[in-house]
Amino acid sequence: MIKRIPFLDLRVESDADRQELLSAVDAVFRHGRLVMGPEVEELERQVAAYCGRQFGVGVNSGTDALLLALKSLGLGPGDEVITTSLSWIATANAIALTGATPVFADVRDDLNIDPESVRRLITPRTKVVLPVHYTGKICQVPALLDLCEGHGLTLIEDAAQAFGAIHQGRKAGSFGTLACFSMNPMKVYAACGEAGMVLTDSRDLYESLIALRYNGTVNRETCVQPSLNGRIDTIQAAILLKRLPRVEGIAKKRRAIAARYQEQLAGVVELPREASGEYDVYYTFIIRCDHRDELKIFLEAKGIETKIQHQLLMPEQPAYRTNPRGHFPNAQRLVKRILCLPVHEKLSLDDADYVAEAVREFFKG
């Protein structure tokens, strides 16, 4: 029998969950502070504490988190920011929108940025290193921090996919001078719309971010730097407060699905790996294999929805094809072999077994 296995399931099916979220929204309607209500400040406090940071600044998307973090450092034309070649285009766009130039590093076999590639790309124009914790796995941050310290650079974490992930006892978002999260509905820690957060331990950067998210104004009146309206919505903040206590449970469910795939697909396809001291949250579960496109079609016929993230590397996007600086042969090789299997927390272990059996069936044929 063919089952339908969606790649994501964003429904709120539980009556108890729906009622809890509706009660949070109702509380906002009752106090009436629809813009920057008390839930925003409480969310900022709780998320910062969860990640071990001093300050949190709620913004209206992960893209705005990146853009405002970069702007808070005063980046502009002539500056370069080294980032990964393999990520969603928002990472490169945020750099370009400051006037700075994105420079694209290669990735390791774990699909995260390669510190050695970053080292080779550093020039006197380099100001920031902006890694992405891709798939919910924290990248090799200690090596990147050493590079930044040795060259006087700033590290910003793009932790959009990795809320709750851990590396050597430290959570995603606890490493960089600034750290950026997306909390849109697709993420492990998810709002019911767009939302994001910037974390830092610097009071000066915190105060700059507070101004930047409100059109660059101080005291909501005096514009000190051109910016945009990047404020988080109070309703989304209220929803995120309700969902924060559930994040670790969601990650455990995703990890259970991932463990099932690891058990049943070992030796069939190349699988994600966790080293000692790593705790991945599996925003995506990416396998690597030959005949990727044929496998995707085969799984679709079995009712299994999969994704390829991302078929075009960021420097291969039309907006960045004109002489992108960087070198990324491993990313170019890997992107032809990657496929994301469903791994969301609403899957059952039986669902995971069905997916794994279909993958095994394909390669047996």
Protein backbone atom coordinates (compact mmCIF):
# COMPACT_ATOMS: atom_id res chain seq x y z
CA MET A 1 0.00 0.00 0.00
CA ILE A 2 1.30 3.44 -0.93
CA LYS A 3 1.51 5.85 1.98
CA ARG A 4 1.69 9.62 1.70
CA ILE A 5 4.79 10.94 3.48
CA PRO A 6 4.98 14.75 3.23
CA PHE A 7 8.36 16.45 3.47
CA LEU A 8 6.88 18.82 6.07
CA ASP A 9 3.62 18.92 7.97
CA LEU A 10 2.85 22.38 9.37
CA ARG A 11 -0.64 21.59 10.62
CA VAL A 12 -1.46 22.06 14.30
CA GLU A 13 -3.47 18.89 14.74
CA SER A 14 -3.64 18.58 18.53
CA ASP A 15 -6.64 20.31 20.10
CA ALA A 16 -4.53 21.10 23.17
CA ASP A 17 -1.77 22.66 21.06
CA ARG A 18 -4.24 24.75 19.07
CA GLN A 19 -5.92 25.99 22.23
CA GLU A 20 -2.60 26.93 23.80
CA LEU A 21 -1.56 28.95 20.75
CA LEU A 22 -4.99 30.57 20.41
CA SER A 23 -4.87 31.57 24.07
CA ALA A 24 -1.50 33.24 23.48
CA VAL A 25 -2.94 35.19 20.55
CA ASP A 26 -6.04 36.09 22.56
CA ALA A 27 -3.86 37.51 25.34
CA VAL A 28 -2.20 39.82 22.81
CA PHE A 29 -5.57 40.94 21.48
CA ARG A 30 -6.73 41.68 25.02
CA HIS A 31 -3.77 43.86 26.05
CA GLY A 32 -3.70 45.50 22.63
CA ARG A 33 0.06 46.01 22.27
CA LEU A 34 0.17 44.49 18.82
CA VAL A 35 3.50 46.17 18.04
CA MET A 36 6.44 45.42 20.37
CA GLY A 37 4.25 44.12 23.17
CA PRO A 38 5.59 42.63 26.42
CA GLU A 39 5.89 39.17 24.84
CA VAL A 40 8.69 40.46 22.62
CA GLU A 41 10.96 41.45 25.49
CA GLU A 42 10.20 38.22 27.35
CA LEU A 43 10.98 36.14 24.25
CA GLU A 44 14.26 37.97 23.77
CA ARG A 45 15.21 37.30 27.38
CA GLN A 46 14.32 33.61 27.26
CA VAL A 47 15.99 32.86 23.93
CA ALA A 48 19.17 34.68 24.95
CA ALA A 49 19.25 32.72 28.21
CA TYR A 50 18.61 29.43 26.41
CA CYS A 51 21.59 30.04 24.13
CA GLY A 52 23.82 31.45 26.86
CA ARG A 53 23.92 35.03 25.57
CA GLN A 54 23.41 38.42 27.20
CA PHE A 55 21.10 40.07 24.68
CA GLY A 56 18.45 39.07 22.17
CA VAL A 57 16.82 41.30 19.55
CA GLY A 58 13.63 40.00 17.95
CA VAL A 59 13.25 40.76 14.25
CA ASN A 60 10.71 39.83 11.62
CA SER A 61 12.69 37.15 9.75
CA GLY A 62 15.95 35.28 9.62
CA THR A 63 16.94 37.35 6.60
CA ASP A 64 16.47 40.57 8.56
CA ALA A 65 18.47 39.03 11.41
CA LEU A 66 21.42 38.58 9.03
CA LEU A 67 21.03 41.96 7.36
CA LEU A 68 20.77 43.92 10.60
CA ALA A 69 23.61 41.99 12.22
CA LEU A 70 25.87 42.88 9.29
CA LYS A 71 24.69 46.50 9.29
CA SER A 72 25.41 46.79 13.01
CA LEU A 73 29.09 46.25 12.17
CA GLY A 74 29.07 49.12 9.68
CA LEU A 75 29.83 47.02 6.61
CA GLY A 76 29.68 48.63 3.22
CA PRO A 77 31.17 48.80 -0.28
CA GLY A 78 34.74 47.53 -0.47
CA ASP A 79 34.28 45.11 2.42
CA GLU A 80 34.16 41.35 1.93
CA VAL A 81 32.29 38.70 3.89
CA ILE A 82 33.30 35.06 3.52
CA THR A 83 30.40 32.64 3.66
CA THR A 84 29.56 29.14 2.51
CA SER A 85 28.71 28.34 -1.09
CA LEU A 86 25.92 25.94 -0.04
CA SER A 87 22.95 27.57 1.66
CA TRP A 88 19.66 29.29 0.94
CA ILE A 89 20.21 32.51 -0.99
CA ALA A 90 19.19 34.74 1.95
CA THR A 91 22.69 34.43 3.39
CA ALA A 92 24.37 35.94 0.33
CA ASN A 93 21.60 38.48 -0.19
CA ALA A 94 21.99 39.90 3.30
CA ILE A 95 25.69 40.50 2.62
CA ALA A 96 25.07 42.08 -0.78
CA LEU A 97 22.34 44.38 0.57
CA THR A 98 24.86 46.06 2.90
CA GLY A 99 26.99 46.92 -0.13
CA ALA A 100 29.65 44.41 0.89
CA THR A 101 30.77 41.55 -1.36
CA PRO A 102 29.98 37.91 -0.56
CA VAL A 103 32.95 35.57 -1.04
CA PHE A 104 32.07 31.88 -1.32
CA ALA A 105 34.02 29.18 0.49
CA ASP A 106 33.91 25.46 -0.17
CA VAL A 107 32.24 22.92 2.12
CA ARG A 108 33.43 19.78 3.85
CA ASP A 109 31.80 16.42 3.21
CA ASP A 110 29.38 17.20 6.09
CA LEU A 111 28.06 20.05 3.87
CA ASN A 112 29.28 22.73 6.31
CA ILE A 113 31.82 25.43 5.51
CA ASP A 114 35.46 24.31 5.25
CA PRO A 115 37.75 26.40 7.52
CA GLU A 116 40.75 25.70 5.27
CA SER A 117 38.86 27.11 2.29
CA VAL A 118 37.98 30.17 4.39
CA ARG A 119 41.65 30.66 5.29
CA ARG A 120 42.67 30.71 1.63
CA LEU A 121 40.07 33.38 0.81
CA ILE A 122 41.04 35.95 3.46
CA THR A 123 42.34 39.27 2.08
CA PRO A 124 42.83 42.75 3.57
CA ARG A 125 39.24 43.48 2.47
CA THR A 126 37.79 40.64 4.55
CA LYS A 127 35.85 41.89 7.57
CA VAL A 128 33.49 39.06 8.55
CA VAL A 129 33.25 35.28 8.37
CA LEU A 130 29.62 34.16 8.16
CA PRO A 131 29.22 30.38 8.40
CA VAL A 132 25.89 28.55 8.22
CA HIS A 133 25.14 25.66 10.57
CA TYR A 134 23.76 23.69 7.64
CA THR A 135 21.10 20.97 8.14
CA GLY A 136 21.02 21.62 11.91
CA LYS A 137 24.69 20.64 12.47
CA ILE A 138 27.04 23.19 14.03
CA CYS A 139 30.01 23.76 11.73
CA GLN A 140 33.68 23.68 12.77
CA VAL A 141 33.35 26.87 14.79
CA PRO A 142 36.52 26.53 16.95
CA ALA A 143 38.71 26.50 13.83
CA LEU A 144 36.82 29.48 12.39
CA LEU A 145 37.17 31.41 15.64
CA ASP A 146 40.92 30.81 15.58
CA LEU A 147 41.06 32.17 12.02
CA CYS A 148 39.02 35.23 12.97
CA GLU A 149 41.17 35.95 16.01
CA GLY A 150 44.37 35.59 14.01
CA HIS A 151 43.19 37.97 11.26
CA GLY A 152 41.14 40.46 13.27
CA LEU A 153 37.82 39.35 11.78
CA THR A 154 34.32 39.12 13.21
CA LEU A 155 32.40 35.83 13.24
CA ILE A 156 28.62 35.92 12.72
CA GLU A 157 26.74 32.64 13.01
CA ASP A 158 23.92 31.96 10.59
CA ALA A 159 22.21 29.52 12.95
CA ALA A 160 18.87 29.63 11.11
CA GLN A 161 18.68 25.84 10.80
CA ALA A 162 20.25 24.85 14.09
CA PHE A 163 18.30 26.13 17.10
CA GLY A 164 19.08 23.74 19.95
CA ALA A 165 22.05 22.05 18.28
CA ILE A 166 25.14 21.54 20.46
CA HIS A 167 28.88 21.38 19.80
CA GLN A 168 31.23 20.46 22.64
CA GLY A 169 28.72 21.52 25.27
CA ARG A 170 27.80 24.86 23.66
CA LYS A 171 24.56 25.63 21.86
CA ALA A 172 24.21 27.09 18.39
CA GLY A 173 24.17 30.85 18.68
CA SER A 174 26.68 30.97 21.54
CA PHE A 175 29.89 31.28 19.50
CA GLY A 176 29.91 34.35 17.28
CA THR A 177 30.10 38.03 18.12
CA LEU A 178 26.60 37.97 16.64
CA ALA A 179 24.31 35.01 15.97
CA CYS A 180 21.23 34.96 13.77
CA PHE A 181 18.18 32.69 13.88
CA SER A 182 15.22 32.17 11.61
CA MET A 183 12.05 31.01 13.32
CA ASN A 184 9.73 30.63 10.38
CA PRO A 185 7.25 27.70 10.30
CA MET A 186 9.70 25.32 8.61
CA LYS A 187 12.29 25.52 11.38
CA VAL A 188 12.79 23.26 14.40
CA TYR A 189 11.84 26.22 16.63
CA ALA A 190 8.96 27.63 14.65
CA ALA A 191 6.57 30.54 14.72
CA CYS A 192 3.30 30.51 12.76
CA GLY A 193 4.69 33.11 10.37
CA GLU A 194 7.98 34.91 9.82
CA ALA A 195 10.19 35.67 12.82
CA GLY A 196 13.87 35.88 13.68
CA MET A 197 16.35 36.77 16.41
CA VAL A 198 19.85 38.24 16.73
CA LEU A 199 21.93 37.36 19.80
CA THR A 200 25.05 39.09 21.12
CA ASP A 201 26.98 39.78 24.31
CA SER A 202 27.90 43.31 23.22
CA ARG A 203 25.76 46.10 24.65
CA ASP A 204 26.92 48.47 21.90
CA LEU A 205 25.83 46.05 19.18
CA TYR A 206 22.59 45.37 21.03
CA GLU A 207 21.75 49.07 21.13
CA SER A 208 22.66 49.43 17.46
CA LEU A 209 20.38 46.51 16.57
CA ILE A 210 17.49 48.00 18.57
CA ALA A 211 17.77 51.15 16.46
CA LEU A 212 18.30 49.30 13.17
CA ARG A 213 15.15 47.19 13.53
CA TYR A 214 13.05 50.37 13.85
CA ASN A 215 14.13 52.28 10.74
CA GLY A 216 17.46 53.24 12.31
CA THR A 217 15.83 55.47 14.91
CA VAL A 218 16.71 56.32 18.49
CA ASN A 219 13.76 56.84 20.85
CA ARG A 220 11.54 56.01 17.86
CA GLU A 221 11.99 59.53 16.53
CA THR A 222 15.55 60.44 15.53
CA CYS A 223 17.01 58.53 12.57
CA VAL A 224 20.73 57.94 13.08
CA GLN A 225 21.24 55.40 10.28
CA PRO A 226 19.07 54.45 7.30
CA SER A 227 17.45 51.10 7.97
CA LEU A 228 14.12 49.34 7.63
CA ASN A 229 11.21 48.15 9.73
CA GLY A 230 12.50 44.83 11.01
CA ARG A 231 10.49 44.44 14.20
CA ILE A 232 9.17 41.07 15.29
CA ASP A 233 5.40 40.75 15.49
CA THR A 234 3.99 40.51 19.03
CA ILE A 235 1.67 37.65 18.06
CA GLN A 236 4.59 35.60 16.73
CA ALA A 237 6.56 36.36 19.89
CA ALA A 238 3.63 35.10 21.98
CA ILE A 239 3.47 31.88 19.94
CA LEU A 240 7.22 31.35 20.19
CA LEU A 241 7.09 31.73 23.97
CA LYS A 242 4.59 28.87 24.12
CA ARG A 243 6.71 26.72 21.82
CA LEU A 244 10.13 27.27 23.42
CA PRO A 245 9.65 24.61 26.14
CA ARG A 246 8.89 22.06 23.39
CA VAL A 247 12.01 22.61 21.29
CA GLU A 248 14.09 19.91 22.92
CA GLY A 249 11.27 17.39 22.58
CA ILE A 250 10.94 18.24 18.89
CA ALA A 251 14.68 17.77 18.40
CA LYS A 252 14.53 14.38 20.13
CA LYS A 253 11.76 13.22 17.82
CA ARG A 254 13.74 14.32 14.77
CA ARG A 255 16.81 12.57 16.10
CA ALA A 256 14.79 9.39 16.59
CA ILE A 257 13.72 9.48 12.93
CA ALA A 258 17.33 10.16 11.90
CA ALA A 259 18.54 7.23 14.01
CA ARG A 260 16.02 4.96 12.28
CA TYR A 261 17.34 6.04 8.88
CA GLN A 262 20.91 5.51 10.07
CA GLU A 263 20.05 1.99 11.20
CA GLN A 264 18.21 0.96 8.05
CA LEU A 265 20.19 2.75 5.34
CA ALA A 266 23.75 2.04 6.49
CA GLY A 267 25.71 0.74 3.54
CA VAL A 268 22.96 1.71 1.09
CA VAL A 269 23.60 5.47 0.78
CA GLU A 270 26.03 7.92 2.36
CA LEU A 271 24.55 9.19 5.62
CA PRO A 272 25.07 12.19 7.94
CA ARG A 273 27.51 11.58 10.76
CA GLU A 274 27.80 12.95 14.27
CA ALA A 275 31.20 13.14 15.92
CA SER A 276 31.72 12.93 19.67
CA GLY A 277 30.40 16.06 21.35
CA GLU A 278 27.97 16.89 18.54
CA TYR A 279 24.19 17.03 18.92
CA ASP A 280 22.46 17.71 15.60
CA VAL A 281 18.80 18.78 15.42
CA TYR A 282 18.19 17.58 11.85
CA TYR A 283 16.50 20.53 10.22
CA THR A 284 17.03 18.28 7.23
CA PHE A 285 18.29 14.71 6.85
CA ILE A 286 20.47 14.69 3.74
CA ILE A 287 21.68 11.51 2.10
CA ARG A 288 24.27 11.37 -0.68
CA CYS A 289 24.04 8.86 -3.50
CA ASP A 290 24.45 8.18 -7.18
CA HIS A 291 21.32 8.28 -9.35
CA ARG A 292 19.86 10.95 -7.05
CA ASP A 293 17.33 12.29 -9.55
CA GLU A 294 16.04 8.80 -10.41
CA LEU A 295 15.72 8.01 -6.69
CA LYS A 296 13.71 11.19 -6.14
CA ILE A 297 11.25 10.20 -8.90
CA PHE A 298 11.01 6.66 -7.53
CA LEU A 299 10.21 7.91 -4.03
CA GLU A 300 7.59 10.31 -5.37
CA ALA A 301 5.84 7.34 -6.98
CA LYS A 302 5.78 5.75 -3.51
CA GLY A 303 4.11 8.86 -2.06
CA ILE A 304 7.32 10.14 -0.41
CA GLU A 305 8.05 13.83 -0.85
CA THR A 306 11.75 14.75 -0.90
CA LYS A 307 13.68 17.95 -1.58
CA ILE A 308 17.03 18.93 -3.07
CA GLN A 309 18.54 21.74 -1.01
CA HIS A 310 19.86 23.52 -2.89
CA GLN A 311 20.25 22.58 -6.56
CA LEU A 312 21.98 25.87 -7.34
CA LEU A 313 24.88 26.89 -5.13
CA MET A 314 24.64 30.52 -4.03
CA PRO A 315 27.48 31.67 -6.34
CA GLU A 316 25.74 29.92 -9.25
CA GLN A 317 22.53 31.90 -8.80
CA PRO A 318 21.95 34.43 -11.62
CA ALA A 319 22.38 37.35 -9.22
CA TYR A 320 25.90 36.20 -8.29
CA ARG A 321 27.20 34.52 -11.43
CA THR A 322 29.19 37.52 -12.60
CA ASN A 323 32.68 36.82 -11.33
CA PRO A 324 31.83 35.48 -7.88
CA ARG A 325 34.97 35.28 -5.76
CA GLY A 326 35.63 31.94 -4.16
CA HIS A 327 36.50 28.32 -4.87
CA PHE A 328 34.04 25.53 -4.15
CA PRO A 329 34.75 22.31 -6.09
CA ASN A 330 33.60 20.01 -3.30
CA ALA A 331 30.27 21.83 -3.04
CA GLN A 332 29.88 21.55 -6.82
CA ARG A 333 30.48 17.80 -6.58
CA LEU A 334 28.27 17.16 -3.56
CA VAL A 335 25.27 19.19 -4.69
CA LYS A 336 24.73 16.73 -7.54
CA ARG A 337 24.37 13.84 -5.06
CA ILE A 338 22.33 15.21 -2.15
CA LEU A 339 18.69 14.46 -1.35
CA CYS A 340 16.68 15.44 1.74
CA LEU A 341 14.43 12.76 3.21
CA PRO A 342 11.44 13.69 5.42
CA VAL A 343 12.57 14.02 9.05
CA HIS A 344 9.96 16.23 10.72
CA GLU A 345 8.74 15.44 14.21
CA LYS A 346 5.24 14.40 13.08
CA LEU A 347 6.58 11.33 11.29
CA SER A 348 6.18 8.00 13.04
CA LEU A 349 8.89 5.38 13.17
CA ASP A 350 6.68 3.32 10.87
CA ASP A 351 6.78 6.21 8.40
CA ALA A 352 10.58 6.25 8.61
CA ASP A 353 10.62 2.48 8.02
CA TYR A 354 8.46 2.98 4.91
CA VAL A 355 10.84 5.64 3.55
CA ALA A 356 13.92 3.53 4.28
CA GLU A 357 12.40 0.44 2.69
CA ALA A 358 11.61 2.43 -0.47
CA VAL A 359 15.22 3.67 -0.67
CA ARG A 360 16.51 0.12 -0.23
CA GLU A 361 14.09 -1.14 -2.87
CA PHE A 362 15.38 1.41 -5.38
CA PHE A 363 18.99 0.36 -4.96
CA LYS A 364 18.13 -3.37 -5.00
CA GLY A 365 16.60 -2.90 -8.45
